[in-house]
C-alpha cells in the first residue's frame, strides 16, 4: 500500500471517528437530559466547572451560568493564577457557598443545584473551586507564548515520530512481501480452491490489515498526545487517551477469557489436520498396493483426496464454531446469516459446476492428456478441474469449457490407453475397382509406416467401408504418439499416401466418369518437387 493510499485510509478513519464521536456525544447529551433535571453548565476554557439547576437571586439557571461566564471572562490576566476561595453564606434562609477570587464572588452554589446521591454541598463547592482553578490556569497557559511554543515543539516531534512509524510500517510490509514472494508465486500457481493458496492469500491480507491497524493506532495516539499539549484541547486529549486505555483493557481481558475456548479450537483443528494426514496416507497406501475401486483409480484418487479433506475441515469448523470468540453475539450471528444468504444466492452455479466436475472425474470420460472432441472444440485435455476443463487445440490455443457445458455435450475421446499410450486417427481414400484391394491395403500401410509420429504398435488397420457405384472407399486407422498434434500428423500421413500411390502408379480419385481414361491420372516422381516446391 502506497503512502498516499495509506494517508487516504487514515483520513477516512479520522472522519468516521469524528462522526462516531459526535453521535456518541449527542446520545450522551440526550441520555443526560432524560436522566437528570435540566440545567446550565458553566464551562471555562473548554472545561465543565459546575451545573446550575435552580433559579437564584431572581435569575434562571441559564442566566446564572451566563453571569458567571461574564464575571470570569472579565478577570484580568494577573488574577488567573490566584487561589480560589469558597465562603459560606445564607440567602433568604437558604444556606449556600460562594466561589470567590481575591474577595470577588464569581458564582454561588445552593442545595437545589445538587443531584440525588451527590456529596455534601461544601464538598461539591470545593470540587467546583478546584476545577475552576485548573480552568483558569489552562486559560493563562493558552495565552502564554512560551507555553504555546513548547506545545508546538512537542506537536512537531510527535508528528515526526508518526511519519517515521508509518514509513517503518511500510518498509516492514515491503520486506515481508519480498521475503514471501516465492511462496506467494508458488501458491498462485495452485488451483483456485487449494487450501495452501487460500491460506497464503488469507495471511497476506491479514498482514496488510495489521499494517493498517498499527498505522491507525499510531494516528490515534498522535492525535490524543497532540490535543493534550494545548490547554484548550487538553480535555479532548485526555478523553481519547482514557478511551484507548479502557479499550486496550477490555481487549486484553477478552483475550484472557477466550484462551480456554481458543485452546479447544486449536485441539479440534489439530485433530482435523491429523485425520486429513491419515486419509492421505491411506490413499497413498492404496495406490502403492494397487487397490482399485471407483475412488482409488489413478485419475480419481486426487479428487477423492480433496473431497474427503474438505468434508473433514467443514466438520471441524462446525464443531469449533461454538468455541470461537464472539460466536454467541448477535453481530457474529448476523454476519453468519449474511454470508449464508450470499452463499445460497450465489453458489447455485458454482455447485452445479463442481458437481459436473465430479461426474466427469468419476465417470472417467476423459482425463488429462487425452485428445478429445467436445462440441466444436478439439484438442488435448491439459486440465480437468472442479469448475472447468481446459483444452489445447492444434493452433496452440487454450480453450476453457465450463464443466456443466462439457457434461451436457457429446464427448469423443480418441485416446486409447488399453493397447498403447496413443491417440486414434483415421483417414479415407477412394480408389477405382480396377486397382487390386490387396495392393491398396499394402500401400496405405506403407504410407502409415513412413509417418514419424505414428506408432508401430498397434499396427495400422485398413478397412473397405463402402462399395460405391464407381469406386471403393478405404479407411486407414492408426495411432499417433501422445503429445503430437492430430492435424500435423494427418497432413504428413496424407502426403505419404500421395507419394506411395504415385510410386506404384495407382490414381487416387473417385471416378464418376462416362468413359475410362486412357492413362492413369498420376503425378510422375520427377515432378514431385516442381517449382516452387523445395
Protein backbone atom coordinates (compact mmCIF):
# COMPACT_ATOMS: atom_id res chain seq x y z
CA UNK A 1 0.00 0.00 0.00
CA UNK A 2 1.48 3.33 -1.04
CA UNK A 3 1.82 6.30 1.31
CA UNK A 4 -0.94 8.32 -0.47
CA UNK A 5 -3.34 5.42 -0.18
CA UNK A 6 -2.42 4.98 3.47
CA UNK A 7 -2.97 8.69 4.05
CA UNK A 8 -6.36 8.43 2.36
CA UNK A 9 -7.28 5.49 4.59
CA UNK A 10 -6.16 7.42 7.67
CA UNK A 11 -8.23 10.41 6.59
CA UNK A 12 -11.30 8.24 6.19
CA UNK A 13 -10.70 6.76 9.62
CA UNK A 14 -10.47 10.23 11.21
CA UNK A 15 -13.70 11.31 9.51
CA UNK A 16 -15.52 8.18 10.66
CA UNK A 17 -14.10 8.56 14.15
CA UNK A 18 -15.24 12.20 14.34
CA UNK A 19 -18.76 11.31 13.19
CA UNK A 20 -18.95 8.41 15.65
CA UNK A 21 -17.69 10.62 18.50
CA UNK A 22 -20.26 13.29 17.65
CA UNK A 23 -23.04 10.70 17.61
CA UNK A 24 -21.91 9.34 20.97
CA UNK A 25 -21.78 12.84 22.43
CA UNK A 26 -25.27 13.58 21.09
CA UNK A 27 -26.52 10.32 22.52
CA UNK A 28 -24.85 11.09 25.85
CA UNK A 29 -26.45 14.53 25.98
CA UNK A 30 -29.86 13.09 25.17
CA UNK A 31 -29.42 10.43 27.83
CA UNK A 32 -28.29 13.10 30.30
CA UNK A 33 -31.35 15.16 29.58
CA UNK A 34 -33.57 12.20 30.28
CA UNK A 35 -31.77 11.05 33.45
CA UNK A 36 -31.13 14.41 35.18
CA UNK A 37 -33.06 17.66 35.69
CA UNK A 38 -32.42 20.36 33.10
CA UNK A 39 -29.62 22.79 33.97
CA UNK A 40 -26.99 25.15 32.60
CA UNK A 41 -23.34 24.12 32.59
CA UNK A 42 -20.64 26.61 33.45
CA UNK A 43 -17.74 25.95 31.05
CA UNK A 44 -14.38 27.70 31.34
CA UNK A 45 -11.52 27.08 28.89
CA UNK A 46 -13.39 24.11 27.42
CA UNK A 47 -13.70 22.53 30.89
CA UNK A 48 -17.02 21.96 32.72
CA UNK A 49 -16.91 23.55 36.17
CA UNK A 50 -20.43 23.29 37.59
CA UNK A 51 -24.07 22.78 36.55
CA UNK A 52 -26.69 25.26 37.78
CA UNK A 53 -30.13 23.65 38.21
CA UNK A 54 -32.29 26.04 40.24
CA UNK A 55 -33.07 29.77 39.99
CA UNK A 56 -31.36 32.11 42.48
CA UNK A 57 -31.29 35.85 43.05
CA UNK A 58 -34.12 36.19 40.57
CA UNK A 59 -32.03 34.55 37.81
CA UNK A 60 -32.73 31.34 35.91
CA UNK A 61 -30.04 28.61 35.77
CA UNK A 62 -29.04 29.76 32.27
CA UNK A 63 -28.75 33.38 33.44
CA UNK A 64 -26.67 32.30 36.43
CA UNK A 65 -24.29 30.46 34.10
CA UNK A 66 -24.09 33.43 31.71
CA UNK A 67 -23.44 35.85 34.61
CA UNK A 68 -20.64 33.60 35.92
CA UNK A 69 -19.07 33.33 32.44
CA UNK A 70 -19.16 37.10 32.14
CA UNK A 71 -17.51 37.65 35.52
CA UNK A 72 -14.80 35.05 34.90
CA UNK A 73 -14.17 36.43 31.43
CA UNK A 74 -13.60 39.89 32.85
CA UNK A 75 -10.87 38.71 35.22
CA UNK A 76 -7.51 40.30 34.49
CA UNK A 77 -4.62 38.06 33.48
CA UNK A 78 -2.87 38.80 36.78
CA UNK A 79 -5.64 37.05 38.73
CA UNK A 80 -5.79 33.85 36.63
CA UNK A 81 -3.22 32.10 38.85
CA UNK A 82 -4.63 33.37 42.13
CA UNK A 83 -6.10 30.85 44.60
CA UNK A 84 -9.85 30.23 44.53
CA UNK A 85 -11.73 30.71 47.79
CA UNK A 86 -15.02 29.18 48.99
CA UNK A 87 -17.17 31.05 51.52
CA UNK A 88 -20.48 30.03 53.07
CA UNK A 89 -23.46 32.36 53.33
CA UNK A 90 -27.23 32.37 53.81
CA UNK A 91 -29.71 33.86 51.36
CA UNK A 92 -33.36 34.15 52.41
CA UNK A 93 -32.85 31.37 54.92
CA UNK A 94 -31.17 29.06 52.36
CA UNK A 95 -27.53 28.17 53.03
CA UNK A 96 -25.12 28.44 50.13
CA UNK A 97 -21.48 28.74 49.14
CA UNK A 98 -19.82 31.47 47.11
CA UNK A 99 -16.81 30.77 44.88
CA UNK A 100 -14.53 33.84 45.00
CA UNK A 101 -11.16 35.08 43.82
CA UNK A 102 -9.37 37.89 45.66
CA UNK A 103 -12.64 38.57 47.56
CA UNK A 104 -14.74 38.93 44.39
CA UNK A 105 -17.66 36.47 44.08
CA UNK A 106 -17.78 34.68 40.77
CA UNK A 107 -20.82 32.38 41.28
CA UNK A 108 -22.81 30.76 44.07
CA UNK A 109 -24.00 27.24 44.83
CA UNK A 110 -27.18 26.14 46.59
CA UNK A 111 -28.53 22.79 47.81
CA UNK A 112 -31.05 22.78 44.94
CA UNK A 113 -28.14 22.53 42.46
CA UNK A 114 -27.20 19.10 43.78
CA UNK A 115 -28.37 15.81 42.35
CA UNK A 116 -29.56 12.81 44.37
CA UNK A 117 -26.52 10.94 45.61
CA UNK A 118 -24.13 13.91 45.38
CA UNK A 119 -21.70 14.65 48.24
CA UNK A 120 -22.49 17.46 50.70
CA UNK A 121 -22.70 21.00 49.35
CA UNK A 122 -19.40 22.00 50.97
CA UNK A 123 -17.52 19.19 49.16
CA UNK A 124 -19.24 19.96 45.86
CA UNK A 125 -18.27 23.64 46.25
CA UNK A 126 -14.64 22.71 46.94
CA UNK A 127 -14.58 20.48 43.82
CA UNK A 128 -16.08 23.28 41.71
CA UNK A 129 -13.41 25.69 43.02
CA UNK A 130 -10.66 23.21 42.16
CA UNK A 131 -11.99 22.72 38.59
CA UNK A 132 -12.28 26.48 38.15
CA UNK A 133 -8.69 26.94 39.30
CA UNK A 134 -7.49 24.35 36.75
CA UNK A 135 -9.51 26.02 34.01
CA UNK A 136 -8.09 29.45 34.82
CA UNK A 137 -4.55 28.07 34.79
CA UNK A 138 -5.25 26.48 31.37
CA UNK A 139 -6.58 29.83 30.17
CA UNK A 140 -3.40 31.56 31.38
CA UNK A 141 -1.18 28.92 29.70
CA UNK A 142 -3.17 29.25 26.49
CA UNK A 143 -2.22 32.93 26.35
CA UNK A 144 1.44 32.30 27.17
CA UNK A 145 3.71 32.48 24.12
CA UNK A 146 6.27 30.29 25.85
CA UNK A 147 3.74 27.57 26.63
CA UNK A 148 2.35 27.75 23.12
CA UNK A 149 5.85 27.39 21.64
CA UNK A 150 6.54 24.36 23.81
CA UNK A 151 3.23 22.79 22.71
CA UNK A 152 4.06 23.39 19.05
CA UNK A 153 7.51 21.83 19.53
CA UNK A 154 6.00 18.73 21.15
CA UNK A 155 3.45 18.52 18.34
CA UNK A 156 6.20 18.73 15.70
CA UNK A 157 8.18 16.00 17.47
CA UNK A 158 5.10 13.77 17.71
CA UNK A 159 4.34 14.36 14.02
CA UNK A 160 7.89 13.38 13.07
CA UNK A 161 7.61 10.21 15.13
CA UNK A 162 4.26 9.44 13.45
CA UNK A 163 5.80 9.82 9.98
CA UNK A 164 8.73 7.57 10.99
CA UNK A 165 6.33 4.94 12.32
CA UNK A 166 4.28 4.97 9.10
CA UNK A 167 7.42 4.75 6.95
CA UNK A 168 8.74 1.92 9.15
CA UNK A 169 5.45 0.02 8.79
CA UNK A 170 5.59 0.50 5.03
CA UNK A 171 9.17 -0.79 4.83
CA UNK A 172 8.42 -3.76 7.05
CA UNK A 173 5.45 -4.64 4.84
CA UNK A 174 7.64 -4.41 1.73
CA UNK A 175 10.33 -6.56 3.37
CA UNK A 176 7.76 -9.21 4.28
CA UNK A 177 6.35 -9.09 0.74
CA UNK A 178 9.86 -9.50 -0.71
CA UNK A 179 10.73 -12.41 1.58
CA UNK A 180 7.44 -14.20 0.83
CA UNK A 181 7.40 -13.53 -2.92
CA UNK A 182 8.48 -17.07 -3.82
CA UNK A 183 5.86 -18.60 -1.54
CA UNK A 184 3.12 -16.38 -3.00
CA UNK A 185 4.16 -17.21 -6.58
CA UNK A 186 4.05 -20.94 -5.86
CA UNK A 187 0.65 -20.55 -4.21
CA UNK A 188 -0.73 -18.55 -7.16
CA UNK A 189 0.05 -21.47 -9.49
CA UNK A 190 -2.08 -23.84 -7.45
CA UNK A 191 -5.80 -24.46 -8.15
CA UNK A 192 -8.27 -21.81 -7.06
CA UNK A 193 -9.71 -23.88 -4.21
CA UNK A 194 -6.41 -25.34 -2.98
CA UNK A 195 -6.10 -24.79 0.80
CA UNK A 196 -2.46 -23.67 0.52
CA UNK A 197 -3.38 -20.94 -1.96
CA UNK A 198 -6.27 -19.84 0.26
CA UNK A 199 -4.04 -19.86 3.37
CA UNK A 200 -1.32 -17.76 1.71
CA UNK A 201 -3.93 -15.29 0.47
CA UNK A 202 -5.50 -15.00 3.93
CA UNK A 203 -2.12 -14.49 5.61
CA UNK A 204 -1.19 -11.80 3.07
CA UNK A 205 -4.45 -9.94 3.70
CA UNK A 206 -4.03 -10.29 7.48
CA UNK A 207 -0.54 -8.76 7.28
CA UNK A 208 -1.92 -5.94 5.14
CA UNK A 209 -4.69 -5.12 7.61
CA UNK A 210 -2.34 -5.44 10.59
CA UNK A 211 -0.18 -2.76 8.97
CA UNK A 212 -3.22 -0.52 8.54
CA UNK A 213 -4.35 -1.20 12.13
CA UNK A 214 -0.93 -0.24 13.55
CA UNK A 215 -0.99 2.90 11.42
CA UNK A 216 -4.43 3.84 12.72
CA UNK A 217 -3.36 3.23 16.32
CA UNK A 218 -0.31 5.42 15.75
CA UNK A 219 -2.51 8.22 14.36
CA UNK A 220 -4.90 7.84 17.32
CA UNK A 221 -2.06 8.12 19.85
CA UNK A 222 -0.60 11.09 17.96
CA UNK A 223 -3.95 12.85 17.97
CA UNK A 224 -4.52 12.25 21.70
CA UNK A 225 -0.99 13.39 22.57
CA UNK A 226 -1.23 16.49 20.38
CA UNK A 227 -4.56 17.56 21.90
CA UNK A 228 -3.16 17.27 25.42
CA UNK A 229 -0.31 19.66 24.56
CA UNK A 230 -2.66 22.63 24.20
CA UNK A 231 -4.58 23.76 27.30
CA UNK A 232 -7.85 24.38 25.47
CA UNK A 233 -7.96 20.92 23.83
CA UNK A 234 -6.43 19.02 26.74
CA UNK A 235 -9.82 17.61 27.90
CA UNK A 236 -10.36 16.11 24.45
CA UNK A 237 -6.91 14.52 24.50
CA UNK A 238 -7.46 13.13 27.99
CA UNK A 239 -10.76 11.63 26.83
CA UNK A 240 -9.09 9.98 23.82
CA UNK A 241 -6.27 8.63 25.95
CA UNK A 242 -8.55 7.20 28.62
CA UNK A 243 -10.78 5.68 25.92
CA UNK A 244 -7.78 3.95 24.34
CA UNK A 245 -6.65 2.61 27.71
CA UNK A 246 -10.14 1.32 28.51
CA UNK A 247 -10.37 -0.28 25.07
CA UNK A 248 -6.96 -1.95 25.48
CA UNK A 249 -8.01 -3.23 28.91
CA UNK A 250 -11.23 -4.68 27.55
CA UNK A 251 -9.40 -6.33 24.66
CA UNK A 252 -6.78 -7.84 26.99
CA UNK A 253 -9.46 -9.09 29.35
CA UNK A 254 -11.43 -10.57 26.45
CA UNK A 255 -8.29 -12.33 25.17
CA UNK A 256 -7.63 -13.82 28.61
CA UNK A 257 -11.22 -15.05 28.88
CA UNK A 258 -11.07 -16.50 25.34
CA UNK A 259 -7.87 -18.51 25.89
CA UNK A 260 -9.65 -21.74 27.03
CA UNK A 261 -12.01 -21.63 24.02
CA UNK A 262 -9.11 -20.89 21.68
CA UNK A 263 -7.26 -23.90 23.10
CA UNK A 264 -10.33 -26.04 22.36
CA UNK A 265 -10.47 -24.71 18.78
CA UNK A 266 -6.76 -25.46 18.37
CA UNK A 267 -7.28 -29.06 19.55
CA UNK A 268 -10.22 -29.54 17.16
CA UNK A 269 -8.22 -28.26 14.19
CA UNK A 270 -5.21 -30.36 15.22
CA UNK A 271 -7.39 -33.49 15.23
CA UNK A 272 -8.77 -32.49 11.81
CA UNK A 273 -5.23 -31.99 10.49
CA UNK A 274 -4.11 -35.40 11.76
CA UNK A 275 -7.23 -37.01 10.29
CA UNK A 276 -6.54 -35.49 6.88
CA UNK A 277 -2.94 -36.72 7.01
CA UNK A 278 -4.18 -40.19 7.94
CA UNK A 279 -6.57 -40.20 4.97
CA UNK A 280 -3.76 -39.13 2.65
CA UNK A 281 -1.59 -41.95 3.98
CA UNK A 282 -4.44 -44.39 3.32
CA UNK A 283 -4.80 -43.16 -0.26
CA UNK A 284 -1.04 -43.44 -0.84
CA UNK A 285 -1.02 -46.99 0.55
CA UNK A 286 -3.95 -47.98 -1.66
CA UNK A 287 -2.18 -46.57 -4.72
CA UNK A 288 1.14 -48.33 -3.93
CA UNK A 289 -0.57 -51.71 -3.32
CA UNK A 290 -2.65 -51.48 -6.48
CA UNK A 291 -6.03 -51.36 -4.76
CA UNK A 292 -8.65 -50.33 -7.31
CA UNK A 293 -12.18 -49.07 -6.86
CA UNK A 294 -14.21 -46.10 -8.05
CA UNK A 295 -12.48 -43.83 -5.53
CA UNK A 296 -8.99 -45.32 -5.84
CA UNK A 297 -8.42 -45.11 -9.60
CA UNK A 298 -5.27 -43.26 -10.65
CA UNK A 299 -7.26 -40.42 -12.18
CA UNK A 300 -9.87 -40.15 -9.39
CA UNK A 301 -7.76 -40.51 -6.27
CA UNK A 302 -6.77 -36.81 -6.37
CA UNK A 303 -10.40 -35.67 -6.42
CA UNK A 304 -11.25 -38.13 -3.65
CA UNK A 305 -8.43 -36.67 -1.55
CA UNK A 306 -9.80 -33.16 -1.95
CA UNK A 307 -13.39 -34.16 -1.24
CA UNK A 308 -12.58 -36.09 1.93
CA UNK A 309 -10.21 -33.37 3.19
CA UNK A 310 -12.85 -30.71 2.54
CA UNK A 311 -15.52 -32.69 4.42
CA UNK A 312 -13.20 -33.18 7.40
CA UNK A 313 -12.37 -29.47 7.60
CA UNK A 314 -16.02 -28.43 7.22
CA UNK A 315 -16.98 -30.81 10.02
CA UNK A 316 -14.16 -29.43 12.19
CA UNK A 317 -15.33 -25.86 11.56
CA UNK A 318 -18.91 -26.76 12.52
CA UNK A 319 -17.72 -28.39 15.75
CA UNK A 320 -15.38 -25.48 16.59
CA UNK A 321 -17.92 -22.75 15.81
CA UNK A 322 -19.45 -22.51 19.34
CA UNK A 323 -15.95 -22.06 20.80
CA UNK A 324 -14.94 -19.17 18.53
CA UNK A 325 -14.73 -15.88 20.46
CA UNK A 326 -17.83 -13.80 19.82
CA UNK A 327 -19.82 -16.59 18.21
CA UNK A 328 -22.65 -16.08 20.73
CA UNK A 329 -23.04 -12.37 19.93
CA UNK A 330 -25.83 -11.05 17.72
CA UNK A 331 -23.27 -9.36 15.45
CA UNK A 332 -21.49 -12.66 14.76
CA UNK A 333 -24.81 -14.39 14.12
CA UNK A 334 -25.86 -11.58 11.78
CA UNK A 335 -22.64 -11.90 9.80
CA UNK A 336 -23.13 -15.68 9.61
CA UNK A 337 -26.67 -15.22 8.29
CA UNK A 338 -25.41 -12.63 5.78
CA UNK A 339 -22.74 -14.96 4.41
CA UNK A 340 -25.25 -17.82 4.38
CA UNK A 341 -27.59 -15.76 2.20
CA UNK A 342 -24.71 -14.85 -0.13
CA UNK A 343 -23.68 -18.48 -0.48
CA UNK A 344 -27.28 -19.57 -1.06
CA UNK A 345 -27.91 -16.95 -3.74
CA UNK A 346 -24.54 -17.05 -5.45
CA UNK A 347 -23.43 -20.66 -5.21
CA UNK A 348 -26.06 -22.41 -7.32
CA UNK A 349 -23.99 -22.03 -10.48
CA UNK A 350 -20.77 -22.86 -8.61
CA UNK A 351 -22.27 -26.01 -7.10
CA UNK A 352 -23.51 -27.18 -10.50
CA UNK A 353 -20.03 -26.68 -11.96
CA UNK A 354 -18.39 -28.59 -9.10
CA UNK A 355 -20.87 -31.46 -9.32
CA UNK A 356 -20.37 -31.65 -13.09
CA UNK A 357 -16.61 -31.76 -12.48
CA UNK A 358 -17.02 -34.70 -10.09
CA UNK A 359 -19.21 -36.50 -12.65
CA UNK A 360 -16.50 -36.09 -15.30
CA UNK A 361 -13.76 -37.26 -12.95
CA UNK A 362 -15.52 -40.31 -11.55
CA UNK A 363 -17.14 -41.34 -14.85
CA UNK A 364 -13.61 -41.30 -16.35
CA UNK A 365 -14.99 -39.90 -19.59
CA UNK A 366 -11.73 -38.05 -20.10
CA UNK A 367 -8.51 -37.30 -18.29
CA UNK A 368 -5.52 -35.01 -18.61
CA UNK A 369 -3.52 -35.84 -21.75
CA UNK A 370 -6.45 -37.24 -23.75
CA UNK A 371 -7.22 -35.96 -27.26
CA UNK A 372 -10.95 -35.23 -27.21
CA UNK A 373 -13.59 -33.51 -29.25
CA UNK A 374 -16.19 -31.63 -27.18
CA UNK A 375 -18.75 -29.97 -29.41
CA UNK A 376 -16.84 -27.78 -31.86
CA UNK A 377 -13.65 -27.83 -29.77
CA UNK A 378 -10.94 -30.43 -30.31
CA UNK A 379 -7.56 -30.79 -28.62
CA UNK A 380 -5.57 -32.21 -25.70
CA UNK A 381 -7.02 -32.06 -22.20
CA UNK A 382 -4.48 -30.02 -20.24
CA UNK A 383 -6.52 -29.64 -17.04
CA UNK A 384 -9.62 -31.29 -15.64
CA UNK A 385 -10.59 -29.11 -12.68
CA UNK A 386 -13.50 -28.86 -10.31
CA UNK A 387 -15.03 -25.95 -12.23
CA UNK A 388 -13.81 -26.19 -15.83
CA UNK A 389 -11.98 -28.28 -18.42
CA UNK A 390 -9.14 -26.79 -20.47
CA UNK A 391 -8.15 -27.95 -23.97
CA UNK A 392 -5.03 -27.16 -26.02
CA UNK A 393 -6.02 -27.02 -29.72
CA UNK A 394 -3.96 -27.61 -32.87
CA UNK A 395 -3.43 -23.85 -33.14
CA UNK A 396 -1.82 -23.89 -29.68
CA UNK A 397 -4.84 -22.09 -28.23
CA UNK A 398 -6.19 -22.88 -24.78
CA UNK A 399 -9.98 -23.26 -24.57
CA UNK A 400 -11.75 -23.24 -21.20
CA UNK A 401 -15.08 -25.06 -21.10
CA UNK A 402 -17.34 -24.95 -18.01
CA UNK A 403 -17.93 -28.46 -16.69
CA UNK A 404 -21.70 -28.01 -16.88
CA UNK A 405 -21.29 -27.42 -20.64
CA UNK A 406 -18.95 -30.40 -21.04
CA UNK A 407 -21.28 -32.77 -19.19
CA UNK A 408 -24.18 -31.77 -21.46
CA UNK A 409 -22.20 -32.10 -24.72
CA UNK A 410 -21.20 -35.13 -26.78
CA UNK A 411 -17.61 -36.09 -25.90
CA UNK A 412 -15.45 -38.01 -28.38
CA UNK A 413 -12.29 -39.35 -26.72
CA UNK A 414 -9.78 -40.51 -29.31
CA UNK A 415 -7.12 -41.57 -26.82
CA UNK A 416 -6.64 -45.29 -26.20
CA UNK A 417 -4.57 -46.38 -23.22
CA UNK A 418 -5.70 -50.02 -23.20
CA UNK A 419 -3.43 -51.19 -26.01
CA UNK A 420 -0.80 -48.47 -26.10
CA UNK A 421 -0.45 -44.87 -24.98
CA UNK A 422 -1.66 -43.40 -28.27
CA UNK A 423 -4.38 -41.37 -29.95
CA UNK A 424 -6.64 -42.94 -32.56
CA UNK A 425 -6.62 -41.38 -36.06
CA UNK A 426 -8.39 -42.29 -39.25
CA UNK A 427 -8.43 -41.13 -42.83
CA UNK A 428 -10.02 -42.44 -46.02
CA UNK A 429 -9.33 -42.62 -49.76
CA UNK A 430 -11.50 -43.66 -52.71
CA UNK A 431 -9.94 -45.92 -55.32
CA UNK A 432 -11.44 -47.37 -58.50
CA UNK A 433 -12.41 -51.03 -58.89
CA UNK A 434 -9.57 -51.51 -61.39
CA UNK A 435 -6.99 -51.38 -58.55
CA UNK A 436 -6.47 -54.61 -56.54
CA UNK A 437 -7.69 -54.10 -52.96
CA UNK A 438 -4.74 -56.06 -51.54
CA UNK A 439 -2.35 -53.62 -53.22
CA UNK A 440 -4.31 -50.64 -51.83
CA UNK A 441 -4.12 -52.15 -48.32
CA UNK A 442 -0.37 -52.59 -48.60
CA UNK A 443 0.20 -49.05 -49.92
CA UNK A 444 -1.84 -47.45 -47.12
CA UNK A 445 0.09 -49.47 -44.51
CA UNK A 446 3.38 -48.41 -46.15
CA UNK A 447 2.35 -44.74 -46.03
CA UNK A 448 1.50 -45.11 -42.31
CA UNK A 449 4.90 -46.63 -41.56
CA UNK A 450 6.62 -43.70 -43.26
CA UNK A 451 4.89 -41.17 -40.98
CA UNK A 452 7.19 -40.48 -37.97
CA UNK A 453 4.61 -39.68 -35.26
CA UNK A 454 2.55 -42.82 -35.84
CA UNK A 455 3.00 -45.85 -33.57
CA UNK A 456 4.07 -49.23 -34.89
CA UNK A 457 2.01 -50.95 -32.19
CA UNK A 458 -0.94 -51.28 -32.59
CA UNK A 459 -0.34 -51.87 -36.29
CA UNK A 460 -2.23 -49.83 -38.89
CA UNK A 461 -5.59 -51.26 -39.90
CA UNK A 462 -7.21 -50.85 -43.34
CA UNK A 463 -10.90 -51.48 -43.94
CA UNK A 464 -13.10 -51.33 -47.03
CA UNK A 465 -16.02 -49.50 -45.51
CA UNK A 466 -18.08 -48.75 -48.64
CA UNK A 467 -18.55 -50.26 -52.10
CA UNK A 468 -19.87 -47.35 -54.14
CA UNK A 469 -21.11 -47.36 -57.73
CA UNK A 470 -17.77 -46.38 -59.28
CA UNK A 471 -15.15 -46.76 -56.51
CA UNK A 472 -14.25 -48.41 -53.22
CA UNK A 473 -13.81 -46.30 -50.05
CA UNK A 474 -10.87 -47.45 -47.92
CA UNK A 475 -10.38 -46.34 -44.30
CA UNK A 476 -6.96 -46.31 -42.58
CA UNK A 477 -6.93 -46.50 -38.77
CA UNK A 478 -3.66 -45.68 -36.96
CA UNK A 479 -2.42 -44.46 -33.55
CA UNK A 480 -0.21 -41.43 -33.08
CA UNK A 481 2.01 -40.79 -30.07
CA UNK A 482 0.62 -38.78 -27.17
CA UNK A 483 1.70 -35.15 -27.39
CA UNK A 484 1.71 -34.89 -31.20
CA UNK A 485 -0.94 -32.70 -32.79
CA UNK A 486 -3.54 -34.54 -34.78
CA UNK A 487 -3.76 -32.31 -37.82
CA UNK A 488 0.01 -32.06 -38.27
CA UNK A 489 0.24 -35.86 -38.24
CA UNK A 490 -2.69 -36.18 -40.65
CA UNK A 491 -1.03 -33.73 -43.01
CA UNK A 492 2.18 -35.79 -43.04
CA UNK A 493 0.18 -39.02 -43.48
CA UNK A 494 -1.77 -37.63 -46.44
CA UNK A 495 1.48 -36.52 -48.09
CA UNK A 496 2.95 -40.02 -47.70
CA UNK A 497 -0.23 -41.61 -49.11
CA UNK A 498 0.01 -39.43 -52.21
CA UNK A 499 3.69 -40.31 -52.67
CA UNK A 500 3.19 -44.07 -52.27
CA UNK A 501 0.23 -44.20 -54.66
CA UNK A 502 2.17 -42.20 -57.25
CA UNK A 503 5.18 -44.51 -56.87
CA UNK A 504 3.08 -47.58 -57.65
CA UNK A 505 1.02 -45.95 -60.41
CA UNK A 506 -2.35 -46.06 -58.68
CA UNK A 507 -4.55 -43.00 -59.12
CA UNK A 508 -6.48 -41.53 -56.15
CA UNK A 509 -9.82 -40.37 -57.45
CA UNK A 510 -13.48 -41.13 -57.25
CA UNK A 511 -14.07 -41.97 -60.91
CA UNK A 512 -17.56 -40.69 -61.53
CA UNK A 513 -16.91 -40.99 -65.25
CA UNK A 514 -18.56 -41.81 -68.54
CA UNK A 515 -15.53 -43.49 -70.14
CA UNK A 516 -12.36 -44.86 -68.59
CA UNK A 517 -9.31 -42.56 -69.14
CA UNK A 518 -6.59 -43.91 -71.45
CA UNK A 519 -3.86 -43.47 -68.82
CA UNK A 520 -3.93 -43.33 -65.03
CA UNK A 521 -4.22 -39.84 -63.59
CA UNK A 522 -0.87 -39.65 -61.77
CA UNK A 523 1.99 -37.28 -60.92
CA UNK A 524 5.35 -38.68 -62.16
CA UNK A 525 8.04 -38.86 -59.49
CA UNK A 526 10.29 -36.44 -61.38
CA UNK A 527 7.57 -33.78 -60.98
CA UNK A 528 7.02 -34.24 -57.25
CA UNK A 529 9.13 -31.15 -56.46
CA UNK A 530 8.13 -28.91 -59.36
CA UNK A 531 8.67 -25.17 -58.64
CA UNK A 532 8.05 -23.57 -56.28
CA UNK A 533 8.28 -26.76 -54.18
CA UNK A 534 11.61 -27.41 -52.46
